[in-house]
Amino acid sequence: MLHVRVDDKIKKEAAETLESMGLSVSDAVRLFLRRVVADRAIPFEIKAPNATTRAAMAETDEIVKIRQARFGEAVKLFADLEKACDE
């Protein structure tokens, strides 16, 4: 028996996605653990963002805070970016 604490929203979305694949959450966990044993590794790549990516993410957060940028359409986003470049 294995008990895992998972956010309700994530659990619901994962269960729906897995159901579309013909799997239950329990099936997916068993599959994951079998792969860990067989491969002696986590069966997917785990990456941490490098310094350049972290800096870009921080810059994006600042832009959002300062300009409160939200766009419903890509055209509006690009127009705003072009406007900012012209300033």
PDB file of N, CA and C in Angstrom:
ATOM      1  N   MET A   1       0.857  -1.174   0.000  1.00  0.00           N
ATOM      2  CA  MET A   1       0.000   0.000   0.000  1.00  0.00           C
ATOM      3  C   MET A   1       0.898   1.229   0.000  1.00  0.00           C
ATOM      4  N   LEU A   2       0.521   2.202  -0.807  1.00  0.00           N
ATOM      5  CA  LEU A   2       1.288   3.437  -0.933  1.00  0.00           C
ATOM      6  C   LEU A   2       0.320   4.604  -0.839  1.00  0.00           C
ATOM      7  N   HIS A   3       0.613   5.548   0.038  1.00  0.00           N
ATOM      8  CA  HIS A   3      -0.213   6.746   0.168  1.00  0.00           C
ATOM      9  C   HIS A   3       0.622   7.934  -0.269  1.00  0.00           C
ATOM     10  N   VAL A   4       0.059   8.768  -1.139  1.00  0.00           N
ATOM     11  CA  VAL A   4       0.778   9.930  -1.660  1.00  0.00           C
ATOM     12  C   VAL A   4      -0.135  11.145  -1.555  1.00  0.00           C
ATOM     13  N   ARG A   5       0.405  12.247  -1.066  1.00  0.00           N
ATOM     14  CA  ARG A   5      -0.369  13.485  -1.015  1.00  0.00           C
ATOM     15  C   ARG A   5      -0.183  14.220  -2.335  1.00  0.00           C
ATOM     16  N   VAL A   6      -1.304  14.521  -2.987  1.00  0.00           N
ATOM     17  CA  VAL A   6      -1.282  15.203  -4.273  1.00  0.00           C
ATOM     18  C   VAL A   6      -2.386  16.254  -4.273  1.00  0.00           C
ATOM     19  N   ASP A   7      -2.087  17.408  -4.837  1.00  0.00           N
ATOM     20  CA  ASP A   7      -3.080  18.464  -4.984  1.00  0.00           C
ATOM     21  C   ASP A   7      -4.302  17.910  -5.706  1.00  0.00           C
ATOM     22  N   ASP A   8      -5.496  18.237  -5.199  1.00  0.00           N
ATOM     23  CA  ASP A   8      -6.735  17.701  -5.779  1.00  0.00           C
ATOM     24  C   ASP A   8      -6.888  18.006  -7.265  1.00  0.00           C
ATOM     25  N   LYS A   9      -6.524  19.233  -7.661  1.00  0.00           N
ATOM     26  CA  LYS A   9      -6.660  19.619  -9.070  1.00  0.00           C
ATOM     27  C   LYS A   9      -5.745  18.777  -9.953  1.00  0.00           C
ATOM     28  N   ILE A  10      -4.500  18.607  -9.528  1.00  0.00           N
ATOM     29  CA  ILE A  10      -3.542  17.797 -10.300  1.00  0.00           C
ATOM     30  C   ILE A  10      -4.030  16.351 -10.375  1.00  0.00           C
ATOM     31  N   LYS A  11      -4.498  15.831  -9.243  1.00  0.00           N
ATOM     32  CA  LYS A  11      -4.979  14.446  -9.225  1.00  0.00           C
ATOM     33  C   LYS A  11      -6.134  14.267 -10.207  1.00  0.00           C
ATOM     34  N   LYS A  12      -7.085  15.195 -10.197  1.00  0.00           N
ATOM     35  CA  LYS A  12      -8.243  15.108 -11.091  1.00  0.00           C
ATOM     36  C   LYS A  12      -7.813  15.176 -12.554  1.00  0.00           C
ATOM     37  N   GLU A  13      -6.940  16.147 -12.883  1.00  0.00           N
ATOM     38  CA  GLU A  13      -6.490  16.297 -14.271  1.00  0.00           C
ATOM     39  C   GLU A  13      -5.681  15.085 -14.720  1.00  0.00           C
ATOM     40  N   ALA A  14      -4.824  14.590 -13.831  1.00  0.00           N
ATOM     41  CA  ALA A  14      -4.023  13.408 -14.174  1.00  0.00           C
ATOM     42  C   ALA A  14      -4.926  12.202 -14.391  1.00  0.00           C
ATOM     43  N   ALA A  15      -5.914  12.020 -13.503  1.00  0.00           N
ATOM     44  CA  ALA A  15      -6.829  10.878 -13.632  1.00  0.00           C
ATOM     45  C   ALA A  15      -7.576  10.938 -14.957  1.00  0.00           C
ATOM     46  N   GLU A  16      -8.022  12.135 -15.343  1.00  0.00           N
ATOM     47  CA  GLU A  16      -8.738  12.284 -16.622  1.00  0.00           C
ATOM     48  C   GLU A  16      -7.824  11.966 -17.803  1.00  0.00           C
ATOM     49  N   THR A  17      -6.604  12.481 -17.761  1.00  0.00           N
ATOM     50  CA  THR A  17      -5.647  12.235 -18.838  1.00  0.00           C
ATOM     51  C   THR A  17      -5.303  10.755 -18.927  1.00  0.00           C
ATOM     52  N   LEU A  18      -5.015  10.153 -17.772  1.00  0.00           N
ATOM     53  CA  LEU A  18      -4.671   8.732 -17.759  1.00  0.00           C
ATOM     54  C   LEU A  18      -5.840   7.868 -18.222  1.00  0.00           C
ATOM     55  N   GLU A  19      -7.061   8.251 -17.848  1.00  0.00           N
ATOM     56  CA  GLU A  19      -8.240   7.500 -18.278  1.00  0.00           C
ATOM     57  C   GLU A  19      -8.342   7.479 -19.803  1.00  0.00           C
ATOM     58  N   SER A  20      -7.981   8.611 -20.427  1.00  0.00           N
ATOM     59  CA  SER A  20      -8.028   8.658 -21.890  1.00  0.00           C
ATOM     60  C   SER A  20      -7.009   7.714 -22.522  1.00  0.00           C
ATOM     61  N   MET A  21      -6.012   7.298 -21.718  1.00  0.00           N
ATOM     62  CA  MET A  21      -4.998   6.346 -22.184  1.00  0.00           C
ATOM     63  C   MET A  21      -5.316   4.915 -21.750  1.00  0.00           C
ATOM     64  N   GLY A  22      -6.445   4.776 -21.049  1.00  0.00           N
ATOM     65  CA  GLY A  22      -6.822   3.448 -20.576  1.00  0.00           C
ATOM     66  C   GLY A  22      -6.123   3.048 -19.286  1.00  0.00           C
ATOM     67  N   LEU A  23      -5.628   4.026 -18.540  1.00  0.00           N
ATOM     68  CA  LEU A  23      -4.911   3.750 -17.290  1.00  0.00           C
ATOM     69  C   LEU A  23      -5.587   4.437 -16.113  1.00  0.00           C
ATOM     70  N   SER A  24      -5.445   3.841 -14.951  1.00  0.00           N
ATOM     71  CA  SER A  24      -5.865   4.499 -13.718  1.00  0.00           C
ATOM     72  C   SER A  24      -4.634   5.173 -13.112  1.00  0.00           C
ATOM     73  N   VAL A  25      -4.852   5.984 -12.094  1.00  0.00           N
ATOM     74  CA  VAL A  25      -3.717   6.601 -11.398  1.00  0.00           C
ATOM     75  C   VAL A  25      -2.856   5.498 -10.787  1.00  0.00           C
ATOM     76  N   SER A  26      -3.481   4.489 -10.213  1.00  0.00           N
ATOM     77  CA  SER A  26      -2.730   3.365  -9.630  1.00  0.00           C
ATOM     78  C   SER A  26      -1.898   2.651 -10.683  1.00  0.00           C
ATOM     79  N   ASP A  27      -2.487   2.435 -11.881  1.00  0.00           N
ATOM     80  CA  ASP A  27      -1.737   1.808 -12.981  1.00  0.00           C
ATOM     81  C   ASP A  27      -0.503   2.634 -13.320  1.00  0.00           C
ATOM     82  N   ALA A  28      -0.684   3.955 -13.409  1.00  0.00           N
ATOM     83  CA  ALA A  28       0.419   4.839 -13.779  1.00  0.00           C
ATOM     84  C   ALA A  28       1.529   4.823 -12.718  1.00  0.00           C
ATOM     85  N   VAL A  29       1.140   4.805 -11.462  1.00  0.00           N
ATOM     86  CA  VAL A  29       2.140   4.761 -10.387  1.00  0.00           C
ATOM     87  C   VAL A  29       2.898   3.437 -10.438  1.00  0.00           C
ATOM     88  N   ARG A  30       2.166   2.330 -10.621  1.00  0.00           N
ATOM     89  CA  ARG A  30       2.844   1.029 -10.733  1.00  0.00           C
ATOM     90  C   ARG A  30       3.792   1.009 -11.914  1.00  0.00           C
ATOM     91  N   LEU A  31       3.361   1.554 -13.063  1.00  0.00           N
ATOM     92  CA  LEU A  31       4.207   1.619 -14.253  1.00  0.00           C
ATOM     93  C   LEU A  31       5.462   2.445 -13.981  1.00  0.00           C
ATOM     94  N   PHE A  32       5.269   3.607 -13.348  1.00  0.00           N
ATOM     95  CA  PHE A  32       6.393   4.468 -13.007  1.00  0.00           C
ATOM     96  C   PHE A  32       7.392   3.710 -12.119  1.00  0.00           C
ATOM     97  N   LEU A  33       6.904   3.078 -11.072  1.00  0.00           N
ATOM     98  CA  LEU A  33       7.800   2.374 -10.146  1.00  0.00           C
ATOM     99  C   LEU A  33       8.503   1.192 -10.813  1.00  0.00           C
ATOM    100  N   ARG A  34       7.811   0.485 -11.703  1.00  0.00           N
ATOM    101  CA  ARG A  34       8.464  -0.613 -12.432  1.00  0.00           C
ATOM    102  C   ARG A  34       9.615  -0.090 -13.292  1.00  0.00           C
ATOM    103  N   ARG A  35       9.395   1.076 -13.935  1.00  0.00           N
ATOM    104  CA  ARG A  35      10.462   1.664 -14.759  1.00  0.00           C
ATOM    105  C   ARG A  35      11.633   2.122 -13.893  1.00  0.00           C
ATOM    106  N   VAL A  36      11.352   2.669 -12.727  1.00  0.00           N
ATOM    107  CA  VAL A  36      12.424   3.080 -11.810  1.00  0.00           C
ATOM    108  C   VAL A  36      13.275   1.866 -11.465  1.00  0.00           C
ATOM    109  N   VAL A  37      12.631   0.758 -11.138  1.00  0.00           N
ATOM    110  CA  VAL A  37      13.363  -0.462 -10.793  1.00  0.00           C
ATOM    111  C   VAL A  37      14.139  -0.986 -11.995  1.00  0.00           C
ATOM    112  N   ALA A  38      13.486  -1.075 -13.144  1.00  0.00           N
ATOM    113  CA  ALA A  38      14.129  -1.637 -14.338  1.00  0.00           C
ATOM    114  C   ALA A  38      15.297  -0.790 -14.817  1.00  0.00           C
ATOM    115  N   ASP A  39      15.125   0.540 -14.804  1.00  0.00           N
ATOM    116  CA  ASP A  39      16.154   1.445 -15.326  1.00  0.00           C
ATOM    117  C   ASP A  39      17.126   1.927 -14.261  1.00  0.00           C
ATOM    118  N   ARG A  40      16.749   1.706 -12.997  1.00  0.00           N
ATOM    119  CA  ARG A  40      17.525   2.243 -11.877  1.00  0.00           C
ATOM    120  C   ARG A  40      17.711   3.748 -12.022  1.00  0.00           C
ATOM    121  N   ALA A  41      16.634   4.389 -12.479  1.00  0.00           N
ATOM    122  CA  ALA A  41      16.641   5.841 -12.698  1.00  0.00           C
ATOM    123  C   ALA A  41      15.193   6.302 -12.852  1.00  0.00           C
ATOM    124  N   ILE A  42      14.989   7.595 -12.716  1.00  0.00           N
ATOM    125  CA  ILE A  42      13.676   8.156 -12.998  1.00  0.00           C
ATOM    126  C   ILE A  42      13.481   8.084 -14.509  1.00  0.00           C
ATOM    127  N   PRO A  43      12.329   7.624 -14.976  1.00  0.00           N
ATOM    128  CA  PRO A  43      12.146   7.369 -16.407  1.00  0.00           C
ATOM    129  C   PRO A  43      11.864   8.597 -17.268  1.00  0.00           C
ATOM    130  N   PHE A  44      12.281   9.744 -16.817  1.00  0.00           N
ATOM    131  CA  PHE A  44      12.189  10.956 -17.619  1.00  0.00           C
ATOM    132  C   PHE A  44      13.266  11.905 -17.131  1.00  0.00           C
ATOM    133  N   GLU A  45      13.629  12.826 -17.998  1.00  0.00           N
ATOM    134  CA  GLU A  45      14.700  13.759 -17.669  1.00  0.00           C
ATOM    135  C   GLU A  45      14.169  14.875 -16.767  1.00  0.00           C
ATOM    136  N   ILE A  46      14.910  15.150 -15.706  1.00  0.00           N
ATOM    137  CA  ILE A  46      14.566  16.247 -14.814  1.00  0.00           C
ATOM    138  C   ILE A  46      15.634  17.312 -14.996  1.00  0.00           C
ATOM    139  N   LYS A  47      15.180  18.507 -15.339  1.00  0.00           N
ATOM    140  CA  LYS A  47      16.127  19.591 -15.585  1.00  0.00           C
ATOM    141  C   LYS A  47      15.802  20.782 -14.697  1.00  0.00           C
ATOM    142  N   ALA A  48      16.832  21.415 -14.241  1.00  0.00           N
ATOM    143  CA  ALA A  48      16.674  22.691 -13.547  1.00  0.00           C
ATOM    144  C   ALA A  48      17.104  23.766 -14.538  1.00  0.00           C
ATOM    145  N   PRO A  49      16.402  24.892 -14.563  1.00  0.00           N
ATOM    146  CA  PRO A  49      16.793  25.935 -15.513  1.00  0.00           C
ATOM    147  C   PRO A  49      18.200  26.451 -15.213  1.00  0.00           C
ATOM    148  N   ASN A  50      18.966  26.721 -16.281  1.00  0.00           N
ATOM    149  CA  ASN A  50      20.309  27.258 -16.093  1.00  0.00           C
ATOM    150  C   ASN A  50      20.230  28.745 -15.749  1.00  0.00           C
ATOM    151  N   ALA A  51      21.374  29.364 -15.501  1.00  0.00           N
ATOM    152  CA  ALA A  51      21.414  30.767 -15.070  1.00  0.00           C
ATOM    153  C   ALA A  51      20.762  31.698 -16.094  1.00  0.00           C
ATOM    154  N   THR A  52      20.988  31.451 -17.380  1.00  0.00           N
ATOM    155  CA  THR A  52      20.411  32.297 -18.420  1.00  0.00           C
ATOM    156  C   THR A  52      18.886  32.199 -18.413  1.00  0.00           C
ATOM    157  N   THR A  53      18.378  30.991 -18.300  1.00  0.00           N
ATOM    158  CA  THR A  53      16.932  30.791 -18.275  1.00  0.00           C
ATOM    159  C   THR A  53      16.320  31.406 -17.029  1.00  0.00           C
ATOM    160  N   ARG A  54      16.981  31.214 -15.864  1.00  0.00           N
ATOM    161  CA  ARG A  54      16.467  31.810 -14.623  1.00  0.00           C
ATOM    162  C   ARG A  54      16.428  33.333 -14.725  1.00  0.00           C
ATOM    163  N   ALA A  55      17.449  33.929 -15.339  1.00  0.00           N
ATOM    164  CA  ALA A  55      17.479  35.389 -15.516  1.00  0.00           C
ATOM    165  C   ALA A  55      16.343  35.837 -16.428  1.00  0.00           C
ATOM    166  N   ALA A  56      16.101  35.098 -17.504  1.00  0.00           N
ATOM    167  CA  ALA A  56      15.005  35.446 -18.424  1.00  0.00           C
ATOM    168  C   ALA A  56      13.652  35.315 -17.727  1.00  0.00           C
ATOM    169  N   MET A  57      13.499  34.300 -16.895  1.00  0.00           N
ATOM    170  CA  MET A  57      12.254  34.120 -16.152  1.00  0.00           C
ATOM    171  C   MET A  57      12.046  35.272 -15.168  1.00  0.00           C
ATOM    172  N   ALA A  58      13.107  35.682 -14.492  1.00  0.00           N
ATOM    173  CA  ALA A  58      13.015  36.804 -13.549  1.00  0.00           C
ATOM    174  C   ALA A  58      12.676  38.094 -14.289  1.00  0.00           C
ATOM    175  N   GLU A  59      13.295  38.293 -15.456  1.00  0.00           N
ATOM    176  CA  GLU A  59      13.015  39.482 -16.261  1.00  0.00           C
ATOM    177  C   GLU A  59      11.546  39.499 -16.696  1.00  0.00           C
ATOM    178  N   THR A  60      11.044  38.356 -17.088  1.00  0.00           N
ATOM    179  CA  THR A  60       9.641  38.251 -17.484  1.00  0.00           C
ATOM    180  C   THR A  60       8.721  38.597 -16.322  1.00  0.00           C
ATOM    181  N   ASP A  61       9.039  38.087 -15.141  1.00  0.00           N
ATOM    182  CA  ASP A  61       8.235  38.404 -13.955  1.00  0.00           C
ATOM    183  C   ASP A  61       8.221  39.904 -13.695  1.00  0.00           C
ATOM    184  N   GLU A  62       9.367  40.557 -13.844  1.00  0.00           N
ATOM    185  CA  GLU A  62       9.444  42.007 -13.634  1.00  0.00           C
ATOM    186  C   GLU A  62       8.630  42.772 -14.671  1.00  0.00           C
ATOM    187  N   ILE A  63       8.698  42.343 -15.912  1.00  0.00           N
ATOM    188  CA  ILE A  63       7.926  42.997 -16.980  1.00  0.00           C
ATOM    189  C   ILE A  63       6.438  42.900 -16.667  1.00  0.00           C
ATOM    190  N   VAL A  64       6.015  41.726 -16.232  1.00  0.00           N
ATOM    191  CA  VAL A  64       4.605  41.532 -15.912  1.00  0.00           C
ATOM    192  C   VAL A  64       4.201  42.435 -14.754  1.00  0.00           C
ATOM    193  N   LYS A  65       5.051  42.538 -13.735  1.00  0.00           N
ATOM    194  CA  LYS A  65       4.739  43.391 -12.583  1.00  0.00           C
ATOM    195  C   LYS A  65       4.660  44.858 -12.973  1.00  0.00           C
ATOM    196  N   ILE A  66       5.644  45.324 -13.714  1.00  0.00           N
ATOM    197  CA  ILE A  66       5.744  46.743 -14.060  1.00  0.00           C
ATOM    198  C   ILE A  66       4.674  47.141 -15.066  1.00  0.00           C
ATOM    199  N   ARG A  67       4.518  46.359 -16.098  1.00  0.00           N
ATOM    200  CA  ARG A  67       3.619  46.734 -17.196  1.00  0.00           C
ATOM    201  C   ARG A  67       2.266  46.060 -17.086  1.00  0.00           C
ATOM    202  N   GLN A  68       2.125  45.126 -16.179  1.00  0.00           N
ATOM    203  CA  GLN A  68       0.896  44.358 -16.038  1.00  0.00           C
ATOM    204  C   GLN A  68       0.431  43.860 -17.403  1.00  0.00           C
ATOM    205  N   ALA A  69       1.364  43.279 -18.128  1.00  0.00           N
ATOM    206  CA  ALA A  69       1.108  42.834 -19.497  1.00  0.00           C
ATOM    207  C   ALA A  69       0.238  41.583 -19.519  1.00  0.00           C
ATOM    208  N   ARG A  70      -0.893  41.698 -20.166  1.00  0.00           N
ATOM    209  CA  ARG A  70      -1.781  40.563 -20.422  1.00  0.00           C
ATOM    210  C   ARG A  70      -2.389  40.785 -21.802  1.00  0.00           C
ATOM    211  N   PHE A  71      -2.317  39.769 -22.629  1.00  0.00           N
ATOM    212  CA  PHE A  71      -2.812  39.894 -23.991  1.00  0.00           C
ATOM    213  C   PHE A  71      -3.700  38.713 -24.318  1.00  0.00           C
ATOM    214  N   GLY A  72      -4.848  38.991 -24.872  1.00  0.00           N
ATOM    215  CA  GLY A  72      -5.766  37.938 -25.280  1.00  0.00           C
ATOM    216  C   GLY A  72      -5.453  37.406 -26.659  1.00  0.00           C
ATOM    217  N   GLU A  73      -4.679  38.166 -27.428  1.00  0.00           N
ATOM    218  CA  GLU A  73      -4.357  37.765 -28.791  1.00  0.00           C
ATOM    219  C   GLU A  73      -2.872  38.016 -29.063  1.00  0.00           C
ATOM    220  N   ALA A  74      -2.271  37.153 -29.845  1.00  0.00           N
ATOM    221  CA  ALA A  74      -0.849  37.285 -30.173  1.00  0.00           C
ATOM    222  C   ALA A  74      -0.578  38.592 -30.909  1.00  0.00           C
ATOM    223  N   VAL A  75      -1.500  39.019 -31.772  1.00  0.00           N
ATOM    224  CA  VAL A  75      -1.320  40.256 -32.547  1.00  0.00           C
ATOM    225  C   VAL A  75      -1.113  41.441 -31.605  1.00  0.00           C
ATOM    226  N   LYS A  76      -1.895  41.486 -30.523  1.00  0.00           N
ATOM    227  CA  LYS A  76      -1.778  42.583 -29.559  1.00  0.00           C
ATOM    228  C   LYS A  76      -0.447  42.523 -28.816  1.00  0.00           C
ATOM    229  N   LEU A  77      -0.004  41.320 -28.502  1.00  0.00           N
ATOM    230  CA  LEU A  77       1.295  41.149 -27.850  1.00  0.00           C
ATOM    231  C   LEU A  77       2.409  41.683 -28.735  1.00  0.00           C
ATOM    232  N   PHE A  78       2.426  41.275 -30.002  1.00  0.00           N
ATOM    233  CA  PHE A  78       3.480  41.719 -30.913  1.00  0.00           C
ATOM    234  C   PHE A  78       3.425  43.225 -31.149  1.00  0.00           C
ATOM    235  N   ALA A  79       2.241  43.784 -31.230  1.00  0.00           N
ATOM    236  CA  ALA A  79       2.111  45.234 -31.393  1.00  0.00           C
ATOM    237  C   ALA A  79       2.706  45.955 -30.184  1.00  0.00           C
ATOM    238  N   ASP A  80       2.441  45.433 -28.986  1.00  0.00           N
ATOM    239  CA  ASP A  80       2.988  46.044 -27.785  1.00  0.00           C
ATOM    240  C   ASP A  80       4.515  45.901 -27.734  1.00  0.00           C
ATOM    241  N   LEU A  81       5.027  44.764 -28.160  1.00  0.00           N
ATOM    242  CA  LEU A  81       6.479  44.559 -28.187  1.00  0.00           C
ATOM    243  C   LEU A  81       7.141  45.525 -29.173  1.00  0.00           C
ATOM    244  N   GLU A  82       6.538  45.691 -30.344  1.00  0.00           N
ATOM    245  CA  GLU A  82       7.085  46.624 -31.333  1.00  0.00           C
ATOM    246  C   GLU A  82       7.043  48.057 -30.805  1.00  0.00           C
ATOM    247  N   LYS A  83       5.982  48.399 -30.128  1.00  0.00           N
ATOM    248  CA  LYS A  83       5.853  49.736 -29.534  1.00  0.00           C
ATOM    249  C   LYS A  83       6.957  49.950 -28.495  1.00  0.00           C
ATOM    250  N   ALA A  84       7.212  48.948 -27.668  1.00  0.00           N
ATOM    251  CA  ALA A  84       8.251  49.065 -26.649  1.00  0.00           C
ATOM    252  C   ALA A  84       9.631  49.200 -27.275  1.00  0.00           C
ATOM    253  N   CYS A  85       9.861  48.542 -28.412  1.00  0.00           N
ATOM    254  CA  CYS A  85      11.155  48.645 -29.099  1.00  0.00           C
ATOM    255  C   CYS A  85      11.373  50.035 -29.691  1.00  0.00           C
ATOM    256  N   ASP A  86      10.284  50.678 -30.083  1.00  0.00           N
ATOM    257  CA  ASP A  86      10.376  52.004 -30.694  1.00  0.00           C
ATOM    258  C   ASP A  86      10.625  53.109 -29.645  1.00  0.00           C
ATOM    259  N   GLU A  87      10.319  52.807 -28.383  1.00  0.00           N
ATOM    260  CA  GLU A  87      10.455  53.809 -27.321  1.00  0.00           C
ATOM    261  C   GLU A  87      11.884  54.064 -26.953  1.00  0.00           C
TER     262      GLU A  87
END
